[in-house]
Amino acid sequence: MPRTADRDILFLSEAETARRLGKSLSDWTAIATVLEREGLSRVDPLFGGRYWPAVIAFFHNRYGLHSIGSVGHMTPDGKENLDALQR
């Protein structure tokens, strides 16, 4: 069986989550407590870690990037008028 690449692991320990976010484990523990009140996913007791895609989605949403890769959410605002670009 091939070894799973780190990027393919879905549930991360708190230590690995902290490392990927550039924080010490003790700093991350305090930060996570605050962010969980804002909607950060909690540690899943069955898997013993946080679901990494949900962590990424939380931060994308927090910093206004929630529509990245979601072209379906964009709607046209009217017919394009390229003549308006000419001076």
PDB file of N, CA and C in Angstrom:
ATOM      1  N   MET A   1       0.850  -1.176   0.000  1.00  0.00           N
ATOM      2  CA  MET A   1       0.000   0.000   0.000  1.00  0.00           C
ATOM      3  C   MET A   1       0.895   1.239   0.000  1.00  0.00           C
ATOM      4  N   PRO A   2       0.627   2.214  -0.920  1.00  0.00           N
ATOM      5  CA  PRO A   2       1.460   3.416  -0.976  1.00  0.00           C
ATOM      6  C   PRO A   2       1.243   4.296   0.255  1.00  0.00           C
ATOM      7  N   ARG A   3       2.307   4.988   0.618  1.00  0.00           N
ATOM      8  CA  ARG A   3       2.247   5.899   1.761  1.00  0.00           C
ATOM      9  C   ARG A   3       1.402   7.119   1.381  1.00  0.00           C
ATOM     10  N   THR A   4       0.564   7.565   2.309  1.00  0.00           N
ATOM     11  CA  THR A   4      -0.273   8.733   2.081  1.00  0.00           C
ATOM     12  C   THR A   4       0.574   9.991   2.201  1.00  0.00           C
ATOM     13  N   ALA A   5       0.487  10.869   1.219  1.00  0.00           N
ATOM     14  CA  ALA A   5       1.207  12.144   1.279  1.00  0.00           C
ATOM     15  C   ALA A   5       0.587  13.019   2.363  1.00  0.00           C
ATOM     16  N   ASP A   6       1.416  13.816   3.019  1.00  0.00           N
ATOM     17  CA  ASP A   6       0.931  14.688   4.090  1.00  0.00           C
ATOM     18  C   ASP A   6      -0.236  15.556   3.629  1.00  0.00           C
ATOM     19  N   ARG A   7      -0.188  16.013   2.383  1.00  0.00           N
ATOM     20  CA  ARG A   7      -1.255  16.890   1.891  1.00  0.00           C
ATOM     21  C   ARG A   7      -2.574  16.146   1.729  1.00  0.00           C
ATOM     22  N   ASP A   8      -2.548  14.825   1.710  1.00  0.00           N
ATOM     23  CA  ASP A   8      -3.757  14.033   1.533  1.00  0.00           C
ATOM     24  C   ASP A   8      -4.406  13.629   2.854  1.00  0.00           C
ATOM     25  N   ILE A   9      -3.758  13.914   3.962  1.00  0.00           N
ATOM     26  CA  ILE A   9      -4.313  13.559   5.275  1.00  0.00           C
ATOM     27  C   ILE A   9      -5.403  14.576   5.612  1.00  0.00           C
ATOM     28  N   LEU A  10      -6.599  14.097   5.874  1.00  0.00           N
ATOM     29  CA  LEU A  10      -7.737  14.986   6.099  1.00  0.00           C
ATOM     30  C   LEU A  10      -7.879  15.455   7.542  1.00  0.00           C
ATOM     31  N   PHE A  11      -7.584  14.601   8.500  1.00  0.00           N
ATOM     32  CA  PHE A  11      -7.738  14.964   9.908  1.00  0.00           C
ATOM     33  C   PHE A  11      -6.358  15.146  10.523  1.00  0.00           C
ATOM     34  N   LEU A  12      -6.092  16.362  10.994  1.00  0.00           N
ATOM     35  CA  LEU A  12      -4.773  16.690  11.525  1.00  0.00           C
ATOM     36  C   LEU A  12      -4.811  16.823  13.037  1.00  0.00           C
ATOM     37  N   SER A  13      -3.731  16.395  13.652  1.00  0.00           N
ATOM     38  CA  SER A  13      -3.585  16.602  15.093  1.00  0.00           C
ATOM     39  C   SER A  13      -3.480  18.098  15.360  1.00  0.00           C
ATOM     40  N   GLU A  14      -3.658  18.490  16.595  1.00  0.00           N
ATOM     41  CA  GLU A  14      -3.519  19.905  16.946  1.00  0.00           C
ATOM     42  C   GLU A  14      -2.090  20.380  16.709  1.00  0.00           C
ATOM     43  N   ALA A  15      -1.129  19.517  16.954  1.00  0.00           N
ATOM     44  CA  ALA A  15       0.268  19.897  16.721  1.00  0.00           C
ATOM     45  C   ALA A  15       0.523  20.155  15.239  1.00  0.00           C
ATOM     46  N   GLU A  16      -0.011  19.302  14.359  1.00  0.00           N
ATOM     47  CA  GLU A  16       0.180  19.486  12.925  1.00  0.00           C
ATOM     48  C   GLU A  16      -0.602  20.692  12.416  1.00  0.00           C
ATOM     49  N   THR A  17      -1.797  20.902  12.935  1.00  0.00           N
ATOM     50  CA  THR A  17      -2.578  22.089  12.560  1.00  0.00           C
ATOM     51  C   THR A  17      -1.803  23.342  12.931  1.00  0.00           C
ATOM     52  N   ALA A  18      -1.265  23.376  14.140  1.00  0.00           N
ATOM     53  CA  ALA A  18      -0.475  24.524  14.592  1.00  0.00           C
ATOM     54  C   ALA A  18       0.730  24.740  13.683  1.00  0.00           C
ATOM     55  N   ARG A  19       1.420  23.660  13.361  1.00  0.00           N
ATOM     56  CA  ARG A  19       2.601  23.769  12.503  1.00  0.00           C
ATOM     57  C   ARG A  19       2.251  24.357  11.145  1.00  0.00           C
ATOM     58  N   ARG A  20       1.170  23.854  10.535  1.00  0.00           N
ATOM     59  CA  ARG A  20       0.781  24.338   9.213  1.00  0.00           C
ATOM     60  C   ARG A  20       0.341  25.801   9.238  1.00  0.00           C
ATOM     61  N   LEU A  21      -0.141  26.262  10.383  1.00  0.00           N
ATOM     62  CA  LEU A  21      -0.575  27.652  10.515  1.00  0.00           C
ATOM     63  C   LEU A  21       0.533  28.556  11.048  1.00  0.00           C
ATOM     64  N   GLY A  22       1.704  27.980  11.292  1.00  0.00           N
ATOM     65  CA  GLY A  22       2.842  28.779  11.736  1.00  0.00           C
ATOM     66  C   GLY A  22       2.764  29.223  13.188  1.00  0.00           C
ATOM     67  N   LYS A  23       2.123  28.431  14.014  1.00  0.00           N
ATOM     68  CA  LYS A  23       1.966  28.762  15.431  1.00  0.00           C
ATOM     69  C   LYS A  23       2.545  27.653  16.302  1.00  0.00           C
ATOM     70  N   SER A  24       2.904  28.014  17.520  1.00  0.00           N
ATOM     71  CA  SER A  24       3.295  26.982  18.478  1.00  0.00           C
ATOM     72  C   SER A  24       2.026  26.268  18.930  1.00  0.00           C
ATOM     73  N   LEU A  25       2.166  25.074  19.459  1.00  0.00           N
ATOM     74  CA  LEU A  25       1.001  24.323  19.914  1.00  0.00           C
ATOM     75  C   LEU A  25       0.274  25.075  21.021  1.00  0.00           C
ATOM     76  N   SER A  26       1.017  25.664  21.956  1.00  0.00           N
ATOM     77  CA  SER A  26       0.348  26.382  23.050  1.00  0.00           C
ATOM     78  C   SER A  26      -0.389  27.618  22.535  1.00  0.00           C
ATOM     79  N   ASP A  27       0.218  28.345  21.583  1.00  0.00           N
ATOM     80  CA  ASP A  27      -0.478  29.495  21.001  1.00  0.00           C
ATOM     81  C   ASP A  27      -1.724  29.042  20.245  1.00  0.00           C
ATOM     82  N   TRP A  28      -1.587  27.991  19.452  1.00  0.00           N
ATOM     83  CA  TRP A  28      -2.714  27.500  18.665  1.00  0.00           C
ATOM     84  C   TRP A  28      -3.858  27.053  19.558  1.00  0.00           C
ATOM     85  N   THR A  29      -3.555  26.405  20.672  1.00  0.00           N
ATOM     86  CA  THR A  29      -4.600  25.939  21.578  1.00  0.00           C
ATOM     87  C   THR A  29      -5.448  27.111  22.066  1.00  0.00           C
ATOM     88  N   ALA A  30      -4.796  28.211  22.419  1.00  0.00           N
ATOM     89  CA  ALA A  30      -5.525  29.395  22.871  1.00  0.00           C
ATOM     90  C   ALA A  30      -6.306  30.038  21.728  1.00  0.00           C
ATOM     91  N   ILE A  31      -5.679  30.139  20.567  1.00  0.00           N
ATOM     92  CA  ILE A  31      -6.324  30.746  19.400  1.00  0.00           C
ATOM     93  C   ILE A  31      -7.533  29.919  18.977  1.00  0.00           C
ATOM     94  N   ALA A  32      -7.379  28.599  18.937  1.00  0.00           N
ATOM     95  CA  ALA A  32      -8.456  27.717  18.492  1.00  0.00           C
ATOM     96  C   ALA A  32      -9.684  27.853  19.380  1.00  0.00           C
ATOM     97  N   THR A  33      -9.470  28.038  20.669  1.00  0.00           N
ATOM     98  CA  THR A  33     -10.586  28.203  21.596  1.00  0.00           C
ATOM     99  C   THR A  33     -11.427  29.413  21.205  1.00  0.00           C
ATOM    100  N   VAL A  34     -10.776  30.484  20.850  1.00  0.00           N
ATOM    101  CA  VAL A  34     -11.475  31.699  20.423  1.00  0.00           C
ATOM    102  C   VAL A  34     -12.149  31.484  19.075  1.00  0.00           C
ATOM    103  N   LEU A  35     -11.417  30.908  18.120  1.00  0.00           N
ATOM    104  CA  LEU A  35     -11.946  30.743  16.768  1.00  0.00           C
ATOM    105  C   LEU A  35     -13.090  29.728  16.693  1.00  0.00           C
ATOM    106  N   GLU A  36     -13.112  28.765  17.583  1.00  0.00           N
ATOM    107  CA  GLU A  36     -14.224  27.806  17.600  1.00  0.00           C
ATOM    108  C   GLU A  36     -15.539  28.521  17.880  1.00  0.00           C
ATOM    109  N   ARG A  37     -15.503  29.598  18.653  1.00  0.00           N
ATOM    110  CA  ARG A  37     -16.714  30.392  18.919  1.00  0.00           C
ATOM    111  C   ARG A  37     -17.184  31.117  17.668  1.00  0.00           C
ATOM    112  N   GLU A  38     -16.267  31.298  16.714  1.00  0.00           N
ATOM    113  CA  GLU A  38     -16.596  31.966  15.453  1.00  0.00           C
ATOM    114  C   GLU A  38     -16.922  30.974  14.340  1.00  0.00           C
ATOM    115  N   GLY A  39     -16.865  29.683  14.642  1.00  0.00           N
ATOM    116  CA  GLY A  39     -17.248  28.682  13.658  1.00  0.00           C
ATOM    117  C   GLY A  39     -16.161  27.734  13.196  1.00  0.00           C
ATOM    118  N   LEU A  40     -14.941  27.867  13.717  1.00  0.00           N
ATOM    119  CA  LEU A  40     -13.887  26.908  13.368  1.00  0.00           C
ATOM    120  C   LEU A  40     -14.321  25.512  13.788  1.00  0.00           C
ATOM    121  N   SER A  41     -14.119  24.540  12.902  1.00  0.00           N
ATOM    122  CA  SER A  41     -14.505  23.169  13.236  1.00  0.00           C
ATOM    123  C   SER A  41     -13.702  22.671  14.435  1.00  0.00           C
ATOM    124  N   ARG A  42     -14.342  21.849  15.210  1.00  0.00           N
ATOM    125  CA  ARG A  42     -13.702  21.291  16.419  1.00  0.00           C
ATOM    126  C   ARG A  42     -12.967  19.995  16.074  1.00  0.00           C
ATOM    127  N   VAL A  43     -12.182  19.531  17.003  1.00  0.00           N
ATOM    128  CA  VAL A  43     -11.500  18.240  16.852  1.00  0.00           C
ATOM    129  C   VAL A  43     -12.566  17.147  16.816  1.00  0.00           C
ATOM    130  N   ASP A  44     -12.500  16.303  15.802  1.00  0.00           N
ATOM    131  CA  ASP A  44     -13.435  15.196  15.673  1.00  0.00           C
ATOM    132  C   ASP A  44     -12.995  14.075  16.608  1.00  0.00           C
ATOM    133  N   PRO A  45     -13.836  13.688  17.558  1.00  0.00           N
ATOM    134  CA  PRO A  45     -13.419  12.667  18.528  1.00  0.00           C
ATOM    135  C   PRO A  45     -13.161  11.297  17.894  1.00  0.00           C
ATOM    136  N   LEU A  46     -13.841  10.989  16.808  1.00  0.00           N
ATOM    137  CA  LEU A  46     -13.649   9.696  16.152  1.00  0.00           C
ATOM    138  C   LEU A  46     -12.288   9.615  15.473  1.00  0.00           C
ATOM    139  N   PHE A  47     -11.872  10.704  14.834  1.00  0.00           N
ATOM    140  CA  PHE A  47     -10.607  10.725  14.109  1.00  0.00           C
ATOM    141  C   PHE A  47      -9.466  11.338  14.916  1.00  0.00           C
ATOM    142  N   GLY A  48      -9.785  12.017  15.998  1.00  0.00           N
ATOM    143  CA  GLY A  48      -8.753  12.590  16.850  1.00  0.00           C
ATOM    144  C   GLY A  48      -8.023  13.773  16.247  1.00  0.00           C
ATOM    145  N   GLY A  49      -8.692  14.484  15.349  1.00  0.00           N
ATOM    146  CA  GLY A  49      -8.062  15.651  14.744  1.00  0.00           C
ATOM    147  C   GLY A  49      -9.088  16.564  14.117  1.00  0.00           C
ATOM    148  N   ARG A  50      -8.612  17.690  13.620  1.00  0.00           N
ATOM    149  CA  ARG A  50      -9.487  18.630  12.920  1.00  0.00           C
ATOM    150  C   ARG A  50      -9.522  18.270  11.439  1.00  0.00           C
ATOM    151  N   TYR A  51     -10.680  18.445  10.839  1.00  0.00           N
ATOM    152  CA  TYR A  51     -10.850  18.200   9.415  1.00  0.00           C
ATOM    153  C   TYR A  51     -10.197  19.369   8.683  1.00  0.00           C
ATOM    154  N   TRP A  52      -9.036  19.128   8.070  1.00  0.00           N
ATOM    155  CA  TRP A  52      -8.221  20.189   7.484  1.00  0.00           C
ATOM    156  C   TRP A  52      -8.952  20.997   6.407  1.00  0.00           C
ATOM    157  N   PRO A  53      -9.696  20.370   5.481  1.00  0.00           N
ATOM    158  CA  PRO A  53     -10.419  21.187   4.503  1.00  0.00           C
ATOM    159  C   PRO A  53     -11.385  22.180   5.158  1.00  0.00           C
ATOM    160  N   ALA A  54     -11.984  21.821   6.288  1.00  0.00           N
ATOM    161  CA  ALA A  54     -12.886  22.742   6.988  1.00  0.00           C
ATOM    162  C   ALA A  54     -12.103  23.879   7.636  1.00  0.00           C
ATOM    163  N   VAL A  55     -10.897  23.596   8.110  1.00  0.00           N
ATOM    164  CA  VAL A  55     -10.044  24.647   8.678  1.00  0.00           C
ATOM    165  C   VAL A  55      -9.697  25.655   7.591  1.00  0.00           C
ATOM    166  N   ILE A  56      -9.290  25.161   6.430  1.00  0.00           N
ATOM    167  CA  ILE A  56      -8.965  26.037   5.302  1.00  0.00           C
ATOM    168  C   ILE A  56     -10.196  26.853   4.898  1.00  0.00           C
ATOM    169  N   ALA A  57     -11.358  26.204   4.797  1.00  0.00           N
ATOM    170  CA  ALA A  57     -12.590  26.899   4.416  1.00  0.00           C
ATOM    171  C   ALA A  57     -12.936  27.982   5.435  1.00  0.00           C
ATOM    172  N   PHE A  58     -12.726  27.704   6.709  1.00  0.00           N
ATOM    173  CA  PHE A  58     -12.991  28.699   7.752  1.00  0.00           C
ATOM    174  C   PHE A  58     -12.145  29.945   7.522  1.00  0.00           C
ATOM    175  N   PHE A  59     -10.850  29.755   7.289  1.00  0.00           N
ATOM    176  CA  PHE A  59      -9.975  30.909   7.091  1.00  0.00           C
ATOM    177  C   PHE A  59     -10.269  31.622   5.772  1.00  0.00           C
ATOM    178  N   HIS A  60     -10.597  30.888   4.720  1.00  0.00           N
ATOM    179  CA  HIS A  60     -10.976  31.534   3.457  1.00  0.00           C
ATOM    180  C   HIS A  60     -12.198  32.422   3.679  1.00  0.00           C
ATOM    181  N   ASN A  61     -13.168  31.905   4.378  1.00  0.00           N
ATOM    182  CA  ASN A  61     -14.378  32.674   4.661  1.00  0.00           C
ATOM    183  C   ASN A  61     -14.064  33.874   5.562  1.00  0.00           C
ATOM    184  N   ARG A  62     -13.244  33.672   6.560  1.00  0.00           N
ATOM    185  CA  ARG A  62     -12.905  34.740   7.517  1.00  0.00           C
ATOM    186  C   ARG A  62     -12.218  35.914   6.828  1.00  0.00           C
ATOM    187  N   TYR A  63     -11.435  35.616   5.809  1.00  0.00           N
ATOM    188  CA  TYR A  63     -10.697  36.660   5.114  1.00  0.00           C
ATOM    189  C   TYR A  63     -11.300  37.013   3.751  1.00  0.00           C
ATOM    190  N   GLY A  64     -12.577  36.657   3.553  1.00  0.00           N
ATOM    191  CA  GLY A  64     -13.292  37.070   2.366  1.00  0.00           C
ATOM    192  C   GLY A  64     -12.954  36.323   1.096  1.00  0.00           C
ATOM    193  N   LEU A  65     -12.392  35.143   1.219  1.00  0.00           N
ATOM    194  CA  LEU A  65     -12.030  34.357   0.042  1.00  0.00           C
ATOM    195  C   LEU A  65     -12.973  33.177  -0.162  1.00  0.00           C
ATOM    196  N   HIS A  66     -14.137  33.242   0.431  1.00  0.00           N
ATOM    197  CA  HIS A  66     -15.061  32.109   0.398  1.00  0.00           C
ATOM    198  C   HIS A  66     -15.539  31.751  -0.999  1.00  0.00           C
ATOM    199  N   SER A  67     -15.411  32.646  -1.958  1.00  0.00           N
ATOM    200  CA  SER A  67     -15.898  32.321  -3.293  1.00  0.00           C
ATOM    201  C   SER A  67     -14.810  31.796  -4.216  1.00  0.00           C
ATOM    202  N   ILE A  68     -13.586  31.623  -3.711  1.00  0.00           N
ATOM    203  CA  ILE A  68     -12.512  31.102  -4.556  1.00  0.00           C
ATOM    204  C   ILE A  68     -12.887  29.693  -5.022  1.00  0.00           C
ATOM    205  N   GLY A  69     -12.813  29.502  -6.301  1.00  0.00           N
ATOM    206  CA  GLY A  69     -13.137  28.191  -6.854  1.00  0.00           C
ATOM    207  C   GLY A  69     -14.623  27.928  -6.943  1.00  0.00           C
ATOM    208  N   SER A  70     -15.438  28.911  -6.618  1.00  0.00           N
ATOM    209  CA  SER A  70     -16.889  28.733  -6.640  1.00  0.00           C
ATOM    210  C   SER A  70     -17.497  29.604  -7.722  1.00  0.00           C
ATOM    211  N   VAL A  71     -17.137  29.342  -8.936  1.00  0.00           N
ATOM    212  CA  VAL A  71     -17.607  30.154 -10.050  1.00  0.00           C
ATOM    213  C   VAL A  71     -19.126  30.137 -10.132  1.00  0.00           C
ATOM    214  N   GLY A  72     -19.745  29.066  -9.698  1.00  0.00           N
ATOM    215  CA  GLY A  72     -21.199  28.962  -9.751  1.00  0.00           C
ATOM    216  C   GLY A  72     -21.910  30.022  -8.934  1.00  0.00           C
ATOM    217  N   HIS A  73     -21.250  30.649  -7.993  1.00  0.00           N
ATOM    218  CA  HIS A  73     -21.879  31.671  -7.170  1.00  0.00           C
ATOM    219  C   HIS A  73     -21.847  33.048  -7.823  1.00  0.00           C
ATOM    220  N   MET A  74     -21.105  33.170  -8.911  1.00  0.00           N
ATOM    221  CA  MET A  74     -21.005  34.453  -9.592  1.00  0.00           C
ATOM    222  C   MET A  74     -22.144  34.572 -10.588  1.00  0.00           C
ATOM    223  N   THR A  75     -22.743  35.749 -10.653  1.00  0.00           N
ATOM    224  CA  THR A  75     -23.809  35.979 -11.613  1.00  0.00           C
ATOM    225  C   THR A  75     -23.466  37.202 -12.446  1.00  0.00           C
ATOM    226  N   PRO A  76     -23.789  37.176 -13.729  1.00  0.00           N
ATOM    227  CA  PRO A  76     -23.507  38.336 -14.558  1.00  0.00           C
ATOM    228  C   PRO A  76     -24.356  39.521 -14.106  1.00  0.00           C
ATOM    229  N   ASP A  77     -23.790  40.718 -14.241  1.00  0.00           N
ATOM    230  CA  ASP A  77     -24.516  41.913 -13.815  1.00  0.00           C
ATOM    231  C   ASP A  77     -25.111  42.670 -15.004  1.00  0.00           C
ATOM    232  N   GLY A  78     -25.072  42.076 -16.162  1.00  0.00           N
ATOM    233  CA  GLY A  78     -25.641  42.718 -17.349  1.00  0.00           C
ATOM    234  C   GLY A  78     -24.794  42.434 -18.562  1.00  0.00           C
ATOM    235  N   LYS A  79     -25.249  42.922 -19.698  1.00  0.00           N
ATOM    236  CA  LYS A  79     -24.548  42.715 -20.956  1.00  0.00           C
ATOM    237  C   LYS A  79     -23.270  43.543 -20.968  1.00  0.00           C
ATOM    238  N   GLU A  80     -22.191  42.933 -21.450  1.00  0.00           N
ATOM    239  CA  GLU A  80     -20.914  43.639 -21.536  1.00  0.00           C
ATOM    240  C   GLU A  80     -20.967  44.679 -22.649  1.00  0.00           C
ATOM    241  N   ASN A  81     -20.373  45.833 -22.379  1.00  0.00           N
ATOM    242  CA  ASN A  81     -20.278  46.890 -23.362  1.00  0.00           C
ATOM    243  C   ASN A  81     -18.807  47.245 -23.508  1.00  0.00           C
ATOM    244  N   LEU A  82     -18.125  46.551 -24.420  1.00  0.00           N
ATOM    245  CA  LEU A  82     -16.690  46.769 -24.600  1.00  0.00           C
ATOM    246  C   LEU A  82     -16.392  48.113 -25.241  1.00  0.00           C
ATOM    247  N   ASP A  83     -17.367  48.719 -25.917  1.00  0.00           N
ATOM    248  CA  ASP A  83     -17.162  50.048 -26.501  1.00  0.00           C
ATOM    249  C   ASP A  83     -16.924  51.091 -25.402  1.00  0.00           C
ATOM    250  N   ALA A  84     -17.438  50.847 -24.237  1.00  0.00           N
ATOM    251  CA  ALA A  84     -17.270  51.786 -23.129  1.00  0.00           C
ATOM    252  C   ALA A  84     -15.812  51.855 -22.682  1.00  0.00           C
ATOM    253  N   LEU A  85     -14.998  50.868 -23.044  1.00  0.00           N
ATOM    254  CA  LEU A  85     -13.589  50.855 -22.662  1.00  0.00           C
ATOM    255  C   LEU A  85     -12.731  51.757 -23.546  1.00  0.00           C
ATOM    256  N   GLN A  86     -13.245  52.101 -24.707  1.00  0.00           N
ATOM    257  CA  GLN A  86     -12.495  52.949 -25.640  1.00  0.00           C
ATOM    258  C   GLN A  86     -12.685  54.415 -25.257  1.00  0.00           C
ATOM    259  N   ARG A  87     -11.637  55.177 -25.477  1.00  0.00           N
ATOM    260  CA  ARG A  87     -11.714  56.609 -25.149  1.00  0.00           C
ATOM    261  C   ARG A  87     -11.952  57.431 -26.363  1.00  0.00           C
TER     262      ARG A  87
END
